[in-house]
Amino acid sequence: MELQEEKVQEVMVLAPKGRLDSATSPLLGGRLEVLAAQPQARLILDLGWVDFVSSAGLRVILAAAKQLRSVSGRLVVCSVQPPVQEVLDISGFTALLTIRDGRDDALGELAS
């Protein structure tokens, strides 16, 4: 898995590419943990290039969302591909996460 980072305004955008599974989720999880430790951090997780998410991938996303809430930060997930959206729906994560269609929508969500 490749992980791209970009800072847009005061928001960090992480865009993993490939599969988010037990082999690759530690890379994303480690980076999310570092970024989410900052007070009032605002992060976007762009899943536009992710075509598969396992339970290990779901765990790192949920852990980051919880960690961000504890420091008054926010996580917005965007550009979710249909196979990944199905996993989020089935697992109940759509009720736990803020999900937007694209980066612009996610940035708008964090600006409010």
N, C-alpha and C. Protein backbone atom coordinates (compact mmCIF):
# COMPACT_ATOMS: atom_id res chain seq x y z
N MET A 1 0.83 -1.17 0.00
CA MET A 1 0.00 0.00 0.00
C MET A 1 0.88 1.24 0.00
N GLU A 2 0.48 2.19 -0.76
CA GLU A 2 1.14 3.49 -0.83
C GLU A 2 0.27 4.48 -0.04
N LEU A 3 0.90 5.41 0.65
CA LEU A 3 0.16 6.38 1.45
C LEU A 3 0.61 7.79 1.07
N GLN A 4 -0.30 8.55 0.48
CA GLN A 4 0.00 9.93 0.11
C GLN A 4 -0.56 10.86 1.17
N GLU A 5 0.18 11.94 1.42
CA GLU A 5 -0.25 12.96 2.38
C GLU A 5 -0.19 14.31 1.71
N GLU A 6 -1.17 15.13 2.09
CA GLU A 6 -1.22 16.49 1.56
C GLU A 6 -1.89 17.37 2.60
N LYS A 7 -1.32 18.53 2.83
CA LYS A 7 -1.95 19.48 3.74
C LYS A 7 -2.72 20.49 2.90
N VAL A 8 -4.01 20.61 3.18
CA VAL A 8 -4.88 21.55 2.48
C VAL A 8 -5.47 22.47 3.53
N GLN A 9 -5.15 23.75 3.43
CA GLN A 9 -5.50 24.71 4.47
C GLN A 9 -4.90 24.19 5.77
N GLU A 10 -5.68 23.95 6.78
CA GLU A 10 -5.15 23.41 8.04
C GLU A 10 -5.55 21.96 8.24
N VAL A 11 -5.89 21.29 7.16
CA VAL A 11 -6.39 19.92 7.21
C VAL A 11 -5.38 18.98 6.57
N MET A 12 -5.09 17.88 7.24
CA MET A 12 -4.20 16.87 6.68
C MET A 12 -5.06 15.84 5.94
N VAL A 13 -4.71 15.59 4.69
CA VAL A 13 -5.42 14.62 3.87
C VAL A 13 -4.52 13.41 3.68
N LEU A 14 -5.01 12.25 4.07
CA LEU A 14 -4.30 11.00 3.86
C LEU A 14 -5.04 10.21 2.79
N ALA A 15 -4.31 9.73 1.80
CA ALA A 15 -4.92 8.98 0.70
C ALA A 15 -4.15 7.68 0.49
N PRO A 16 -4.61 6.61 1.13
CA PRO A 16 -3.99 5.31 0.88
C PRO A 16 -4.35 4.80 -0.51
N LYS A 17 -3.48 3.99 -1.06
CA LYS A 17 -3.73 3.42 -2.39
C LYS A 17 -3.51 1.91 -2.32
N GLY A 18 -4.54 1.16 -2.69
CA GLY A 18 -4.44 -0.29 -2.67
C GLY A 18 -5.40 -0.91 -1.69
N ARG A 19 -5.00 -2.00 -1.11
CA ARG A 19 -5.83 -2.73 -0.15
C ARG A 19 -5.50 -2.29 1.27
N LEU A 20 -6.53 -2.21 2.09
CA LEU A 20 -6.34 -1.89 3.50
C LEU A 20 -6.70 -3.16 4.28
N ASP A 21 -5.67 -3.97 4.54
CA ASP A 21 -5.88 -5.26 5.18
C ASP A 21 -4.90 -5.44 6.34
N SER A 22 -4.80 -6.65 6.84
CA SER A 22 -3.94 -6.89 8.01
C SER A 22 -2.47 -6.62 7.73
N ALA A 23 -2.06 -6.75 6.49
CA ALA A 23 -0.66 -6.50 6.14
C ALA A 23 -0.37 -5.01 5.98
N THR A 24 -1.34 -4.23 5.53
CA THR A 24 -1.10 -2.82 5.20
C THR A 24 -1.67 -1.84 6.21
N SER A 25 -2.64 -2.27 7.00
CA SER A 25 -3.28 -1.33 7.92
C SER A 25 -2.34 -0.78 9.01
N PRO A 26 -1.30 -1.50 9.44
CA PRO A 26 -0.39 -0.90 10.42
C PRO A 26 0.29 0.39 9.92
N LEU A 27 0.59 0.47 8.63
CA LEU A 27 1.19 1.68 8.09
C LEU A 27 0.23 2.86 8.23
N LEU A 28 -1.02 2.67 7.80
CA LEU A 28 -2.01 3.73 7.93
C LEU A 28 -2.31 4.01 9.39
N GLY A 29 -2.47 2.97 10.18
CA GLY A 29 -2.77 3.14 11.60
C GLY A 29 -1.71 3.91 12.34
N GLY A 30 -0.46 3.63 12.05
CA GLY A 30 0.64 4.35 12.71
C GLY A 30 0.63 5.83 12.38
N ARG A 31 0.39 6.12 11.12
CA ARG A 31 0.37 7.54 10.71
C ARG A 31 -0.85 8.26 11.28
N LEU A 32 -2.00 7.59 11.24
CA LEU A 32 -3.20 8.20 11.82
C LEU A 32 -3.02 8.45 13.31
N GLU A 33 -2.38 7.53 14.00
CA GLU A 33 -2.16 7.67 15.44
C GLU A 33 -1.32 8.91 15.75
N VAL A 34 -0.27 9.12 14.98
CA VAL A 34 0.59 10.30 15.18
C VAL A 34 -0.19 11.58 14.91
N LEU A 35 -0.91 11.62 13.81
CA LEU A 35 -1.66 12.83 13.46
C LEU A 35 -2.82 13.08 14.41
N ALA A 36 -3.48 12.02 14.85
CA ALA A 36 -4.64 12.16 15.72
C ALA A 36 -4.27 12.55 17.15
N ALA A 37 -3.01 12.46 17.49
CA ALA A 37 -2.58 12.83 18.84
C ALA A 37 -2.50 14.35 19.02
N GLN A 38 -2.53 15.08 17.94
CA GLN A 38 -2.44 16.53 18.01
C GLN A 38 -3.80 17.11 18.39
N PRO A 39 -3.84 17.99 19.39
CA PRO A 39 -5.11 18.58 19.81
C PRO A 39 -5.83 19.27 18.64
N GLN A 40 -7.11 19.02 18.55
CA GLN A 40 -7.99 19.61 17.55
C GLN A 40 -7.54 19.34 16.10
N ALA A 41 -6.88 18.23 15.89
CA ALA A 41 -6.46 17.86 14.54
C ALA A 41 -7.69 17.63 13.66
N ARG A 42 -7.56 18.02 12.42
CA ARG A 42 -8.62 17.78 11.44
C ARG A 42 -8.01 16.96 10.31
N LEU A 43 -8.58 15.77 10.10
CA LEU A 43 -8.03 14.84 9.11
C LEU A 43 -9.10 14.41 8.12
N ILE A 44 -8.67 14.23 6.88
CA ILE A 44 -9.51 13.62 5.86
C ILE A 44 -8.83 12.33 5.44
N LEU A 45 -9.61 11.28 5.40
CA LEU A 45 -9.14 9.99 4.90
C LEU A 45 -9.82 9.77 3.56
N ASP A 46 -9.06 9.96 2.49
CA ASP A 46 -9.58 9.83 1.13
C ASP A 46 -9.39 8.38 0.69
N LEU A 47 -10.49 7.66 0.56
CA LEU A 47 -10.43 6.24 0.21
C LEU A 47 -10.70 6.00 -1.28
N GLY A 48 -10.49 7.01 -2.09
CA GLY A 48 -10.75 6.91 -3.52
C GLY A 48 -9.92 5.87 -4.24
N TRP A 49 -8.76 5.52 -3.70
CA TRP A 49 -7.89 4.53 -4.34
C TRP A 49 -7.84 3.22 -3.56
N VAL A 50 -8.76 3.06 -2.64
CA VAL A 50 -8.82 1.83 -1.84
C VAL A 50 -9.97 0.97 -2.37
N ASP A 51 -9.65 -0.25 -2.76
CA ASP A 51 -10.68 -1.12 -3.32
C ASP A 51 -11.08 -2.27 -2.40
N PHE A 52 -10.41 -2.36 -1.23
CA PHE A 52 -10.72 -3.43 -0.28
C PHE A 52 -10.35 -2.98 1.12
N VAL A 53 -11.24 -3.23 2.08
CA VAL A 53 -10.96 -2.95 3.48
C VAL A 53 -11.35 -4.17 4.29
N SER A 54 -10.41 -4.68 5.08
CA SER A 54 -10.68 -5.82 5.96
C SER A 54 -11.05 -5.30 7.34
N SER A 55 -11.31 -6.22 8.25
CA SER A 55 -11.63 -5.83 9.62
C SER A 55 -10.44 -5.10 10.27
N ALA A 56 -9.23 -5.46 9.89
CA ALA A 56 -8.05 -4.77 10.42
C ALA A 56 -8.04 -3.31 9.96
N GLY A 57 -8.41 -3.08 8.72
CA GLY A 57 -8.50 -1.72 8.20
C GLY A 57 -9.59 -0.93 8.90
N LEU A 58 -10.72 -1.57 9.13
CA LEU A 58 -11.81 -0.91 9.85
C LEU A 58 -11.37 -0.52 11.26
N ARG A 59 -10.63 -1.38 11.90
CA ARG A 59 -10.16 -1.09 13.27
C ARG A 59 -9.29 0.16 13.32
N VAL A 60 -8.37 0.32 12.36
CA VAL A 60 -7.49 1.49 12.41
C VAL A 60 -8.29 2.77 12.14
N ILE A 61 -9.28 2.70 11.28
CA ILE A 61 -10.11 3.88 11.00
C ILE A 61 -10.91 4.24 12.24
N LEU A 62 -11.53 3.25 12.87
CA LEU A 62 -12.33 3.52 14.07
C LEU A 62 -11.45 4.01 15.22
N ALA A 63 -10.28 3.43 15.38
CA ALA A 63 -9.37 3.86 16.45
C ALA A 63 -8.98 5.32 16.25
N ALA A 64 -8.71 5.71 15.02
CA ALA A 64 -8.34 7.11 14.74
C ALA A 64 -9.50 8.04 15.04
N ALA A 65 -10.71 7.65 14.64
CA ALA A 65 -11.88 8.49 14.90
C ALA A 65 -12.09 8.68 16.40
N LYS A 66 -11.94 7.62 17.17
CA LYS A 66 -12.09 7.71 18.63
C LYS A 66 -10.99 8.58 19.24
N GLN A 67 -9.76 8.38 18.79
CA GLN A 67 -8.65 9.15 19.32
C GLN A 67 -8.85 10.64 19.02
N LEU A 68 -9.30 10.95 17.82
CA LEU A 68 -9.53 12.35 17.45
C LEU A 68 -10.63 12.98 18.31
N ARG A 69 -11.68 12.24 18.56
CA ARG A 69 -12.75 12.77 19.41
C ARG A 69 -12.22 13.11 20.80
N SER A 70 -11.29 12.30 21.30
CA SER A 70 -10.77 12.53 22.65
C SER A 70 -9.92 13.80 22.76
N VAL A 71 -9.43 14.31 21.63
CA VAL A 71 -8.63 15.54 21.64
C VAL A 71 -9.35 16.67 20.89
N SER A 72 -10.68 16.54 20.78
CA SER A 72 -11.52 17.53 20.09
C SER A 72 -11.14 17.69 18.62
N GLY A 73 -10.66 16.62 18.02
CA GLY A 73 -10.35 16.63 16.60
C GLY A 73 -11.48 16.02 15.80
N ARG A 74 -11.29 15.98 14.48
CA ARG A 74 -12.33 15.42 13.61
C ARG A 74 -11.71 14.63 12.47
N LEU A 75 -12.42 13.60 12.08
CA LEU A 75 -12.04 12.77 10.93
C LEU A 75 -13.22 12.72 9.98
N VAL A 76 -12.95 13.00 8.71
CA VAL A 76 -13.96 12.84 7.67
C VAL A 76 -13.39 11.89 6.63
N VAL A 77 -14.18 10.90 6.27
CA VAL A 77 -13.81 9.93 5.24
C VAL A 77 -14.49 10.35 3.95
N CYS A 78 -13.77 10.26 2.83
CA CYS A 78 -14.38 10.67 1.57
C CYS A 78 -13.98 9.75 0.42
N SER A 79 -14.68 9.93 -0.70
CA SER A 79 -14.39 9.23 -1.96
C SER A 79 -14.41 7.71 -1.80
N VAL A 80 -15.35 7.22 -1.02
CA VAL A 80 -15.42 5.79 -0.75
C VAL A 80 -15.94 5.04 -1.98
N GLN A 81 -15.18 4.05 -2.41
CA GLN A 81 -15.55 3.24 -3.57
C GLN A 81 -16.66 2.25 -3.17
N PRO A 82 -17.52 1.84 -4.13
CA PRO A 82 -18.66 0.96 -3.81
C PRO A 82 -18.33 -0.30 -3.01
N PRO A 83 -17.26 -1.05 -3.32
CA PRO A 83 -16.99 -2.25 -2.50
C PRO A 83 -16.65 -1.91 -1.05
N VAL A 84 -15.97 -0.79 -0.85
CA VAL A 84 -15.61 -0.36 0.50
C VAL A 84 -16.85 0.19 1.20
N GLN A 85 -17.68 0.92 0.47
CA GLN A 85 -18.92 1.44 1.05
C GLN A 85 -19.80 0.30 1.55
N GLU A 86 -19.83 -0.78 0.80
CA GLU A 86 -20.62 -1.95 1.21
C GLU A 86 -20.11 -2.51 2.54
N VAL A 87 -18.80 -2.60 2.69
CA VAL A 87 -18.21 -3.09 3.95
C VAL A 87 -18.56 -2.13 5.09
N LEU A 88 -18.46 -0.82 4.85
CA LEU A 88 -18.80 0.16 5.88
C LEU A 88 -20.27 0.05 6.27
N ASP A 89 -21.14 -0.15 5.30
CA ASP A 89 -22.57 -0.29 5.57
C ASP A 89 -22.86 -1.54 6.39
N ILE A 90 -22.32 -2.67 5.95
CA ILE A 90 -22.58 -3.95 6.62
C ILE A 90 -22.04 -3.94 8.05
N SER A 91 -20.89 -3.33 8.25
CA SER A 91 -20.26 -3.32 9.57
C SER A 91 -20.87 -2.27 10.51
N GLY A 92 -21.71 -1.40 9.98
CA GLY A 92 -22.31 -0.36 10.81
C GLY A 92 -21.45 0.88 10.97
N PHE A 93 -20.34 0.95 10.25
CA PHE A 93 -19.43 2.07 10.39
C PHE A 93 -19.98 3.37 9.80
N THR A 94 -20.95 3.28 8.91
CA THR A 94 -21.51 4.51 8.34
C THR A 94 -22.20 5.34 9.41
N ALA A 95 -22.66 4.69 10.46
CA ALA A 95 -23.29 5.41 11.57
C ALA A 95 -22.25 6.02 12.51
N LEU A 96 -21.03 5.51 12.47
CA LEU A 96 -19.98 5.96 13.38
C LEU A 96 -19.06 7.01 12.78
N LEU A 97 -19.01 7.07 11.44
CA LEU A 97 -18.07 7.95 10.76
C LEU A 97 -18.80 9.04 9.99
N THR A 98 -18.12 10.15 9.79
CA THR A 98 -18.62 11.19 8.89
C THR A 98 -18.05 10.88 7.52
N ILE A 99 -18.94 10.62 6.56
CA ILE A 99 -18.52 10.23 5.21
C ILE A 99 -19.09 11.23 4.21
N ARG A 100 -18.23 11.73 3.35
CA ARG A 100 -18.65 12.67 2.31
C ARG A 100 -18.22 12.15 0.94
N ASP A 101 -18.85 12.67 -0.10
CA ASP A 101 -18.62 12.18 -1.46
C ASP A 101 -17.19 12.41 -1.95
N GLY A 102 -16.65 13.60 -1.78
CA GLY A 102 -15.33 13.92 -2.30
C GLY A 102 -14.55 14.81 -1.35
N ARG A 103 -13.33 15.14 -1.74
CA ARG A 103 -12.46 15.97 -0.89
C ARG A 103 -13.05 17.34 -0.63
N ASP A 104 -13.63 17.96 -1.66
CA ASP A 104 -14.20 19.29 -1.45
C ASP A 104 -15.32 19.25 -0.42
N ASP A 105 -16.16 18.21 -0.49
CA ASP A 105 -17.23 18.06 0.50
C ASP A 105 -16.65 17.84 1.89
N ALA A 106 -15.58 17.04 1.96
CA ALA A 106 -14.95 16.75 3.25
C ALA A 106 -14.32 18.02 3.84
N LEU A 107 -13.66 18.81 2.98
CA LEU A 107 -13.09 20.07 3.45
C LEU A 107 -14.17 21.01 3.94
N GLY A 108 -15.30 21.05 3.22
CA GLY A 108 -16.43 21.87 3.66
C GLY A 108 -16.97 21.43 4.98
N GLU A 109 -17.03 20.13 5.22
CA GLU A 109 -17.50 19.59 6.49
C GLU A 109 -16.58 20.02 7.64
N LEU A 110 -15.29 20.02 7.40
CA LEU A 110 -14.34 20.38 8.46
C LEU A 110 -14.24 21.89 8.65
N ALA A 111 -14.68 22.66 7.67
CA ALA A 111 -14.65 24.12 7.80
C ALA A 111 -15.79 24.62 8.67
N SER A 112 -16.83 23.81 8.80
CA SER A 112 -18.00 24.27 9.58
C SER A 112 -17.83 24.01 11.06
